[in-house]
PDB file of all heavy atoms in Angstrom:
ATOM      1  N   MET A   1      34.887  43.189 116.334  1.00  0.00           N
ATOM      2  CA  MET A   1      36.226  43.578 115.896  1.00  0.00           C
ATOM      3  C   MET A   1      37.095  43.775 117.130  1.00  0.00           C
ATOM      4  O   MET A   1      36.690  44.434 118.088  1.00  0.00           O
ATOM      5  CB  MET A   1      36.197  44.871 115.081  1.00  0.00           C
ATOM      6  CG  MET A   1      37.517  45.186 114.352  1.00  0.00           C
ATOM      7  SD  MET A   1      38.795  45.963 115.350  1.00  0.00           S
ATOM      8  CE  MET A   1      38.204  47.639 115.464  1.00  0.00           C
ATOM      9  N   VAL A   2      38.297  43.179 117.112  1.00  0.00           N
ATOM     10  CA  VAL A   2      39.233  43.304 118.237  1.00  0.00           C
ATOM     11  C   VAL A   2      40.495  44.003 117.754  1.00  0.00           C
ATOM     12  O   VAL A   2      41.068  43.635 116.723  1.00  0.00           O
ATOM     13  CB  VAL A   2      39.584  41.923 118.833  1.00  0.00           C
ATOM     14  CG1 VAL A   2      40.654  42.080 119.913  1.00  0.00           C
ATOM     15  CG2 VAL A   2      38.346  41.270 119.422  1.00  0.00           C
ATOM     16  N   LEU A   3      40.939  45.021 118.514  1.00  0.00           N
ATOM     17  CA  LEU A   3      42.175  45.733 118.202  1.00  0.00           C
ATOM     18  C   LEU A   3      43.032  45.798 119.471  1.00  0.00           C
ATOM     19  O   LEU A   3      42.825  46.650 120.328  1.00  0.00           O
ATOM     20  CB  LEU A   3      41.877  47.153 117.703  1.00  0.00           C
ATOM     21  CG  LEU A   3      43.098  47.957 117.247  1.00  0.00           C
ATOM     22  CD1 LEU A   3      43.780  47.290 116.059  1.00  0.00           C
ATOM     23  CD2 LEU A   3      42.702  49.386 116.886  1.00  0.00           C
ATOM     24  N   PRO A   4      44.008  44.888 119.609  1.00  0.00           N
ATOM     25  CA  PRO A   4      44.804  44.816 120.844  1.00  0.00           C
ATOM     26  C   PRO A   4      46.110  45.607 120.790  1.00  0.00           C
ATOM     27  O   PRO A   4      47.112  45.211 121.384  1.00  0.00           O
ATOM     28  CB  PRO A   4      45.071  43.316 120.974  1.00  0.00           C
ATOM     29  CG  PRO A   4      45.068  42.807 119.565  1.00  0.00           C
ATOM     30  CD  PRO A   4      44.270  43.758 118.713  1.00  0.00           C
ATOM     31  N   SER A   5      46.126  46.744 120.096  1.00  0.00           N
ATOM     32  CA  SER A   5      47.366  47.499 119.877  1.00  0.00           C
ATOM     33  C   SER A   5      48.027  47.929 121.183  1.00  0.00           C
ATOM     34  O   SER A   5      47.353  48.226 122.171  1.00  0.00           O
ATOM     35  CB  SER A   5      47.082  48.736 119.026  1.00  0.00           C
ATOM     36  OG  SER A   5      46.618  48.386 117.756  1.00  0.00           O
ATOM     37  N   ARG A   6      49.349  48.016 121.131  1.00  0.00           N
ATOM     38  CA  ARG A   6      50.119  48.534 122.263  1.00  0.00           C
ATOM     39  C   ARG A   6      50.353  50.037 122.143  1.00  0.00           C
ATOM     40  O   ARG A   6      50.739  50.694 123.116  1.00  0.00           O
ATOM     41  CB  ARG A   6      51.460  47.819 122.352  1.00  0.00           C
ATOM     42  CG  ARG A   6      51.344  46.358 122.769  1.00  0.00           C
ATOM     43  CD  ARG A   6      52.709  45.727 122.949  1.00  0.00           C
ATOM     44  NE  ARG A   6      52.595  44.430 123.594  1.00  0.00           N
ATOM     45  CZ  ARG A   6      52.363  43.290 122.963  1.00  0.00           C
ATOM     46  NH1 ARG A   6      52.221  43.302 121.645  1.00  0.00           N
ATOM     47  NH2 ARG A   6      52.272  42.145 123.621  1.00  0.00           N
ATOM     48  N   PHE A   7      50.153  50.575 120.959  1.00  0.00           N
ATOM     49  CA  PHE A   7      50.258  52.024 120.739  1.00  0.00           C
ATOM     50  C   PHE A   7      49.474  52.358 119.484  1.00  0.00           C
ATOM     51  O   PHE A   7      49.661  51.731 118.447  1.00  0.00           O
ATOM     52  CB  PHE A   7      51.719  52.453 120.568  1.00  0.00           C
ATOM     53  CG  PHE A   7      51.871  53.908 120.193  1.00  0.00           C
ATOM     54  CD1 PHE A   7      51.664  54.899 121.138  1.00  0.00           C
ATOM     55  CD2 PHE A   7      52.202  54.274 118.903  1.00  0.00           C
ATOM     56  CE1 PHE A   7      51.796  56.245 120.793  1.00  0.00           C
ATOM     57  CE2 PHE A   7      52.336  55.611 118.542  1.00  0.00           C
ATOM     58  CZ  PHE A   7      52.134  56.600 119.501  1.00  0.00           C
ATOM     59  N   GLU A   8      48.577  53.331 119.568  1.00  0.00           N
ATOM     60  CA  GLU A   8      47.739  53.665 118.417  1.00  0.00           C
ATOM     61  C   GLU A   8      47.136  55.054 118.639  1.00  0.00           C
ATOM     62  O   GLU A   8      46.147  55.214 119.357  1.00  0.00           O
ATOM     63  CB  GLU A   8      46.621  52.635 118.276  1.00  0.00           C
ATOM     64  CG  GLU A   8      45.995  52.585 116.913  1.00  0.00           C
ATOM     65  CD  GLU A   8      46.765  51.719 115.932  1.00  0.00           C
ATOM     66  OE1 GLU A   8      47.001  50.543 116.217  1.00  0.00           O
ATOM     67  OE2 GLU A   8      47.126  52.254 114.864  1.00  0.00           O
ATOM     68  N   PRO A   9      47.729  56.102 118.033  1.00  0.00           N
ATOM     69  CA  PRO A   9      47.188  57.451 118.243  1.00  0.00           C
ATOM     70  C   PRO A   9      45.718  57.575 117.858  1.00  0.00           C
ATOM     71  O   PRO A   9      44.967  58.303 118.514  1.00  0.00           O
ATOM     72  CB  PRO A   9      48.071  58.313 117.339  1.00  0.00           C
ATOM     73  CG  PRO A   9      49.342  57.548 117.214  1.00  0.00           C
ATOM     74  CD  PRO A   9      48.941  56.105 117.210  1.00  0.00           C
ATOM     75  N   TRP A  10      45.300  56.879 116.805  1.00  0.00           N
ATOM     76  CA  TRP A  10      43.882  56.902 116.462  1.00  0.00           C
ATOM     77  C   TRP A  10      43.375  55.498 116.145  1.00  0.00           C
ATOM     78  O   TRP A  10      42.779  54.848 116.963  1.00  0.00           O
ATOM     79  CB  TRP A  10      43.583  57.854 115.292  1.00  0.00           C
ATOM     80  CG  TRP A  10      42.098  57.920 115.039  1.00  0.00           C
ATOM     81  CD1 TRP A  10      41.408  57.357 114.005  1.00  0.00           C
ATOM     82  CD2 TRP A  10      41.123  58.528 115.880  1.00  0.00           C
ATOM     83  NE1 TRP A  10      40.065  57.572 114.144  1.00  0.00           N
ATOM     84  CE2 TRP A  10      39.852  58.296 115.288  1.00  0.00           C
ATOM     85  CE3 TRP A  10      41.180  59.238 117.075  1.00  0.00           C
ATOM     86  CZ2 TRP A  10      38.670  58.754 115.855  1.00  0.00           C
ATOM     87  CZ3 TRP A  10      39.998  59.700 117.639  1.00  0.00           C
ATOM     88  CH2 TRP A  10      38.765  59.458 117.029  1.00  0.00           C
ATOM     89  N   ALA A  11      43.543  54.988 114.948  1.00  0.00           N
ATOM     90  CA  ALA A  11      43.076  53.683 114.450  1.00  0.00           C
ATOM     91  C   ALA A  11      41.750  53.823 113.713  1.00  0.00           C
ATOM     92  O   ALA A  11      40.668  53.737 114.292  1.00  0.00           O
ATOM     93  CB  ALA A  11      42.951  52.647 115.562  1.00  0.00           C
ATOM     94  N   LEU A  12      41.845  54.033 112.411  1.00  0.00           N
ATOM     95  CA  LEU A  12      40.670  54.215 111.566  1.00  0.00           C
ATOM     96  C   LEU A  12      39.803  52.961 111.508  1.00  0.00           C
ATOM     97  O   LEU A  12      38.603  53.046 111.216  1.00  0.00           O
ATOM     98  CB  LEU A  12      41.112  54.620 110.160  1.00  0.00           C
ATOM     99  CG  LEU A  12      40.052  55.204 109.230  1.00  0.00           C
ATOM    100  CD1 LEU A  12      39.413  56.444 109.838  1.00  0.00           C
ATOM    101  CD2 LEU A  12      40.668  55.540 107.875  1.00  0.00           C
ATOM    102  N   VAL A  13      40.387  51.798 111.785  1.00  0.00           N
ATOM    103  CA  VAL A  13      39.593  50.570 111.746  1.00  0.00           C
ATOM    104  C   VAL A  13      38.467  50.597 112.778  1.00  0.00           C
ATOM    105  O   VAL A  13      37.448  49.923 112.598  1.00  0.00           O
ATOM    106  CB  VAL A  13      40.471  49.320 111.981  1.00  0.00           C
ATOM    107  CG1 VAL A  13      41.403  49.082 110.813  1.00  0.00           C
ATOM    108  CG2 VAL A  13      41.236  49.418 113.288  1.00  0.00           C
ATOM    109  N   VAL A  14      38.631  51.369 113.847  1.00  0.00           N
ATOM    110  CA  VAL A  14      37.553  51.493 114.832  1.00  0.00           C
ATOM    111  C   VAL A  14      36.370  52.223 114.210  1.00  0.00           C
ATOM    112  O   VAL A  14      35.212  51.803 114.361  1.00  0.00           O
ATOM    113  CB  VAL A  14      38.048  52.211 116.101  1.00  0.00           C
ATOM    114  CG1 VAL A  14      36.892  52.428 117.082  1.00  0.00           C
ATOM    115  CG2 VAL A  14      39.158  51.411 116.773  1.00  0.00           C
ATOM    116  N   ASN A  15      36.625  53.316 113.490  1.00  0.00           N
ATOM    117  CA  ASN A  15      35.541  54.012 112.765  1.00  0.00           C
ATOM    118  C   ASN A  15      34.827  53.045 111.830  1.00  0.00           C
ATOM    119  O   ASN A  15      33.593  53.007 111.784  1.00  0.00           O
ATOM    120  CB  ASN A  15      36.104  55.168 111.934  1.00  0.00           C
ATOM    121  CG  ASN A  15      36.786  56.236 112.755  1.00  0.00           C
ATOM    122  OD1 ASN A  15      37.796  55.974 113.395  1.00  0.00           O
ATOM    123  ND2 ASN A  15      36.253  57.447 112.726  1.00  0.00           N
ATOM    124  N   GLU A  16      35.612  52.272 111.078  1.00  0.00           N
ATOM    125  CA  GLU A  16      35.034  51.361 110.091  1.00  0.00           C
ATOM    126  C   GLU A  16      34.190  50.278 110.745  1.00  0.00           C
ATOM    127  O   GLU A  16      33.094  49.958 110.272  1.00  0.00           O
ATOM    128  CB  GLU A  16      36.156  50.741 109.262  1.00  0.00           C
ATOM    129  CG  GLU A  16      36.963  51.763 108.463  1.00  0.00           C
ATOM    130  CD  GLU A  16      38.237  51.189 107.878  1.00  0.00           C
ATOM    131  OE1 GLU A  16      38.592  50.043 108.221  1.00  0.00           O
ATOM    132  OE2 GLU A  16      38.897  51.889 107.080  1.00  0.00           O
ATOM    133  N   ALA A  17      34.699  49.711 111.841  1.00  0.00           N
ATOM    134  CA  ALA A  17      33.980  48.628 112.520  1.00  0.00           C
ATOM    135  C   ALA A  17      32.683  49.137 113.136  1.00  0.00           C
ATOM    136  O   ALA A  17      31.639  48.478 113.065  1.00  0.00           O
ATOM    137  CB  ALA A  17      34.871  47.996 113.586  1.00  0.00           C
ATOM    138  N   VAL A  18      32.733  50.309 113.751  1.00  0.00           N
ATOM    139  CA  VAL A  18      31.525  50.891 114.360  1.00  0.00           C
ATOM    140  C   VAL A  18      30.493  51.198 113.275  1.00  0.00           C
ATOM    141  O   VAL A  18      29.295  50.932 113.441  1.00  0.00           O
ATOM    142  CB  VAL A  18      31.890  52.152 115.167  1.00  0.00           C
ATOM    143  CG1 VAL A  18      30.626  52.895 115.609  1.00  0.00           C
ATOM    144  CG2 VAL A  18      32.720  51.775 116.388  1.00  0.00           C
ATOM    145  N   ALA A  19      30.952  51.750 112.145  1.00  0.00           N
ATOM    146  CA  ALA A  19      30.035  52.036 111.041  1.00  0.00           C
ATOM    147  C   ALA A  19      29.417  50.758 110.483  1.00  0.00           C
ATOM    148  O   ALA A  19      28.283  50.771 109.989  1.00  0.00           O
ATOM    149  CB  ALA A  19      30.764  52.781 109.930  1.00  0.00           C
ATOM    150  N   SER A  20      30.148  49.644 110.578  1.00  0.00           N
ATOM    151  CA  SER A  20      29.656  48.355 110.082  1.00  0.00           C
ATOM    152  C   SER A  20      28.717  47.668 111.061  1.00  0.00           C
ATOM    153  O   SER A  20      28.201  46.583 110.762  1.00  0.00           O
ATOM    154  CB  SER A  20      30.837  47.430 109.770  1.00  0.00           C
ATOM    155  OG  SER A  20      31.695  48.017 108.809  1.00  0.00           O
ATOM    156  N   GLY A  21      28.521  48.267 112.232  1.00  0.00           N
ATOM    157  CA  GLY A  21      27.603  47.693 113.210  1.00  0.00           C
ATOM    158  C   GLY A  21      28.195  46.562 114.026  1.00  0.00           C
ATOM    159  O   GLY A  21      27.459  45.705 114.526  1.00  0.00           O
ATOM    160  N   LEU A  22      29.525  46.564 114.208  1.00  0.00           N
ATOM    161  CA  LEU A  22      30.171  45.531 115.007  1.00  0.00           C
ATOM    162  C   LEU A  22      30.307  45.982 116.455  1.00  0.00           C
ATOM    163  O   LEU A  22      30.396  47.184 116.736  1.00  0.00           O
ATOM    164  CB  LEU A  22      31.566  45.206 114.462  1.00  0.00           C
ATOM    165  CG  LEU A  22      31.660  44.148 113.354  1.00  0.00           C
ATOM    166  CD1 LEU A  22      30.920  44.584 112.109  1.00  0.00           C
ATOM    167  CD2 LEU A  22      33.132  43.861 113.037  1.00  0.00           C
ATOM    168  N   ALA A  23      30.330  45.026 117.359  1.00  0.00           N
ATOM    169  CA  ALA A  23      30.798  45.301 118.710  1.00  0.00           C
ATOM    170  C   ALA A  23      32.318  45.416 118.640  1.00  0.00           C
ATOM    171  O   ALA A  23      32.964  44.690 117.881  1.00  0.00           O
ATOM    172  CB  ALA A  23      30.388  44.186 119.660  1.00  0.00           C
ATOM    173  N   VAL A  24      32.898  46.340 119.406  1.00  0.00           N
ATOM    174  CA  VAL A  24      34.332  46.618 119.302  1.00  0.00           C
ATOM    175  C   VAL A  24      35.010  46.411 120.655  1.00  0.00           C
ATOM    176  O   VAL A  24      34.555  46.931 121.674  1.00  0.00           O
ATOM    177  CB  VAL A  24      34.586  48.058 118.813  1.00  0.00           C
ATOM    178  CG1 VAL A  24      36.085  48.341 118.748  1.00  0.00           C
ATOM    179  CG2 VAL A  24      33.950  48.280 117.445  1.00  0.00           C
ATOM    180  N   ILE A  25      36.097  45.637 120.631  1.00  0.00           N
ATOM    181  CA  ILE A  25      36.947  45.454 121.805  1.00  0.00           C
ATOM    182  C   ILE A  25      38.312  46.035 121.459  1.00  0.00           C
ATOM    183  O   ILE A  25      38.940  45.621 120.486  1.00  0.00           O
ATOM    184  CB  ILE A  25      37.092  43.971 122.182  1.00  0.00           C
ATOM    185  CG1 ILE A  25      35.719  43.369 122.507  1.00  0.00           C
ATOM    186  CG2 ILE A  25      38.033  43.812 123.368  1.00  0.00           C
ATOM    187  CD1 ILE A  25      35.773  41.867 122.765  1.00  0.00           C
ATOM    188  N   SER A  26      38.756  47.001 122.245  1.00  0.00           N
ATOM    189  CA  SER A  26      40.010  47.690 121.935  1.00  0.00           C
ATOM    190  C   SER A  26      40.851  47.842 123.193  1.00  0.00           C
ATOM    191  O   SER A  26      40.318  47.941 124.300  1.00  0.00           O
ATOM    192  CB  SER A  26      39.711  49.076 121.341  1.00  0.00           C
ATOM    193  OG  SER A  26      40.881  49.859 121.258  1.00  0.00           O
ATOM    194  N   SER A  27      42.170  47.893 122.997  1.00  0.00           N
ATOM    195  CA  SER A  27      43.044  48.191 124.130  1.00  0.00           C
ATOM    196  C   SER A  27      42.856  49.648 124.533  1.00  0.00           C
ATOM    197  O   SER A  27      42.354  50.468 123.756  1.00  0.00           O
ATOM    198  CB  SER A  27      44.504  47.926 123.766  1.00  0.00           C
ATOM    199  OG  SER A  27      44.958  48.846 122.795  1.00  0.00           O
ATOM    200  N   ASP A  28      43.279  49.966 125.745  1.00  0.00           N
ATOM    201  CA  ASP A  28      43.030  51.303 126.283  1.00  0.00           C
ATOM    202  C   ASP A  28      44.083  52.330 125.884  1.00  0.00           C
ATOM    203  O   ASP A  28      44.141  53.416 126.478  1.00  0.00           O
ATOM    204  CB  ASP A  28      42.899  51.247 127.807  1.00  0.00           C
ATOM    205  CG  ASP A  28      44.151  50.695 128.480  1.00  0.00           C
ATOM    206  OD1 ASP A  28      45.133  50.390 127.768  1.00  0.00           O
ATOM    207  OD2 ASP A  28      44.150  50.574 129.718  1.00  0.00           O
ATOM    208  N   VAL A  29      44.908  52.031 124.871  1.00  0.00           N
ATOM    209  CA  VAL A  29      45.856  53.026 124.366  1.00  0.00           C
ATOM    210  C   VAL A  29      45.480  53.471 122.950  1.00  0.00           C
ATOM    211  O   VAL A  29      46.225  54.221 122.323  1.00  0.00           O
ATOM    212  CB  VAL A  29      47.302  52.483 124.373  1.00  0.00           C
ATOM    213  CG1 VAL A  29      47.753  52.163 125.785  1.00  0.00           C
ATOM    214  CG2 VAL A  29      47.436  51.254 123.478  1.00  0.00           C
ATOM    215  N   VAL A  30      44.342  53.024 122.460  1.00  0.00           N
ATOM    216  CA  VAL A  30      43.880  53.389 121.114  1.00  0.00           C
ATOM    217  C   VAL A  30      43.070  54.676 121.204  1.00  0.00           C
ATOM    218  O   VAL A  30      42.062  54.740 121.913  1.00  0.00           O
ATOM    219  CB  VAL A  30      43.030  52.258 120.503  1.00  0.00           C
ATOM    220  CG1 VAL A  30      42.436  52.692 119.162  1.00  0.00           C
ATOM    221  CG2 VAL A  30      43.872  51.002 120.327  1.00  0.00           C
ATOM    222  N   GLY A  31      43.512  55.707 120.476  1.00  0.00           N
ATOM    223  CA  GLY A  31      42.839  57.000 120.562  1.00  0.00           C
ATOM    224  C   GLY A  31      41.372  56.935 120.192  1.00  0.00           C
ATOM    225  O   GLY A  31      40.519  57.514 120.871  1.00  0.00           O
ATOM    226  N   ALA A  32      41.049  56.215 119.117  1.00  0.00           N
ATOM    227  CA  ALA A  32      39.668  56.137 118.653  1.00  0.00           C
ATOM    228  C   ALA A  32      38.753  55.455 119.665  1.00  0.00           C
ATOM    229  O   ALA A  32      37.551  55.738 119.721  1.00  0.00           O
ATOM    230  CB  ALA A  32      39.604  55.397 117.320  1.00  0.00           C
ATOM    231  N   ALA A  33      39.312  54.567 120.480  1.00  0.00           N
ATOM    232  CA  ALA A  33      38.483  53.834 121.444  1.00  0.00           C
ATOM    233  C   ALA A  33      37.864  54.758 122.485  1.00  0.00           C
ATOM    234  O   ALA A  33      36.764  54.500 122.976  1.00  0.00           O
ATOM    235  CB  ALA A  33      39.320  52.755 122.131  1.00  0.00           C
ATOM    236  N   PHE A  34      38.562  55.833 122.822  1.00  0.00           N
ATOM    237  CA  PHE A  34      38.028  56.764 123.815  1.00  0.00           C
ATOM    238  C   PHE A  34      36.891  57.597 123.250  1.00  0.00           C
ATOM    239  O   PHE A  34      36.114  58.179 124.004  1.00  0.00           O
ATOM    240  CB  PHE A  34      39.145  57.665 124.337  1.00  0.00           C
ATOM    241  CG  PHE A  34      40.101  56.952 125.242  1.00  0.00           C
ATOM    242  CD1 PHE A  34      41.211  56.310 124.728  1.00  0.00           C
ATOM    243  CD2 PHE A  34      39.881  56.890 126.602  1.00  0.00           C
ATOM    244  CE1 PHE A  34      42.093  55.627 125.552  1.00  0.00           C
ATOM    245  CE2 PHE A  34      40.755  56.209 127.435  1.00  0.00           C
ATOM    246  CZ  PHE A  34      41.862  55.580 126.910  1.00  0.00           C
ATOM    247  N   GLU A  35      36.783  57.657 121.935  1.00  0.00           N
ATOM    248  CA  GLU A  35      35.711  58.415 121.301  1.00  0.00           C
ATOM    249  C   GLU A  35      34.568  57.504 120.850  1.00  0.00           C
ATOM    250  O   GLU A  35      33.403  57.897 120.911  1.00  0.00           O
ATOM    251  CB  GLU A  35      36.264  59.150 120.068  1.00  0.00           C
ATOM    252  CG  GLU A  35      37.530  59.931 120.301  1.00  0.00           C
ATOM    253  CD  GLU A  35      37.276  61.351 120.765  1.00  0.00           C
ATOM    254  OE1 GLU A  35      36.112  61.762 120.798  1.00  0.00           O
ATOM    255  OE2 GLU A  35      38.266  62.040 121.090  1.00  0.00           O
ATOM    256  N   LEU A  36      34.911  56.291 120.403  1.00  0.00           N
ATOM    257  CA  LEU A  36      33.933  55.468 119.695  1.00  0.00           C
ATOM    258  C   LEU A  36      33.634  54.131 120.353  1.00  0.00           C
ATOM    259  O   LEU A  36      32.861  53.345 119.799  1.00  0.00           O
ATOM    260  CB  LEU A  36      34.420  55.232 118.257  1.00  0.00           C
ATOM    261  CG  LEU A  36      34.445  56.473 117.363  1.00  0.00           C
ATOM    262  CD1 LEU A  36      35.174  56.188 116.060  1.00  0.00           C
ATOM    263  CD2 LEU A  36      33.030  56.955 117.082  1.00  0.00           C
ATOM    264  N   VAL A  37      34.229  53.843 121.494  1.00  0.00           N
ATOM    265  CA  VAL A  37      33.918  52.606 122.215  1.00  0.00           C
ATOM    266  C   VAL A  37      33.452  52.974 123.620  1.00  0.00           C
ATOM    267  O   VAL A  37      34.254  53.420 124.445  1.00  0.00           O
ATOM    268  CB  VAL A  37      35.132  51.655 122.292  1.00  0.00           C
ATOM    269  CG1 VAL A  37      34.747  50.382 123.045  1.00  0.00           C
ATOM    270  CG2 VAL A  37      35.625  51.304 120.895  1.00  0.00           C
ATOM    271  N   ARG A  38      32.172  52.794 123.876  1.00  0.00           N
ATOM    272  CA  ARG A  38      31.617  53.055 125.204  1.00  0.00           C
ATOM    273  C   ARG A  38      31.449  51.718 125.916  1.00  0.00           C
ATOM    274  O   ARG A  38      30.647  50.876 125.474  1.00  0.00           O
ATOM    275  CB  ARG A  38      30.265  53.759 125.105  1.00  0.00           C
ATOM    276  CG  ARG A  38      30.328  55.160 124.531  1.00  0.00           C
ATOM    277  CD  ARG A  38      28.948  55.786 124.540  1.00  0.00           C
ATOM    278  NE  ARG A  38      28.886  56.973 123.707  1.00  0.00           N
ATOM    279  CZ  ARG A  38      27.746  57.561 123.332  1.00  0.00           C
ATOM    280  NH1 ARG A  38      26.582  57.050 123.732  1.00  0.00           N
ATOM    281  NH2 ARG A  38      27.771  58.641 122.575  1.00  0.00           N
TER     282      ARG A  38
END
């Protein structure tokens, strides 16, 4: 799952993608990425 947002305080799709067992690529302004993308 790729989320290239320019602004995103959280982004629930990151929770959903991680729960689905996907690898996640996110921009560094997505709040959820700092919690759920290592």
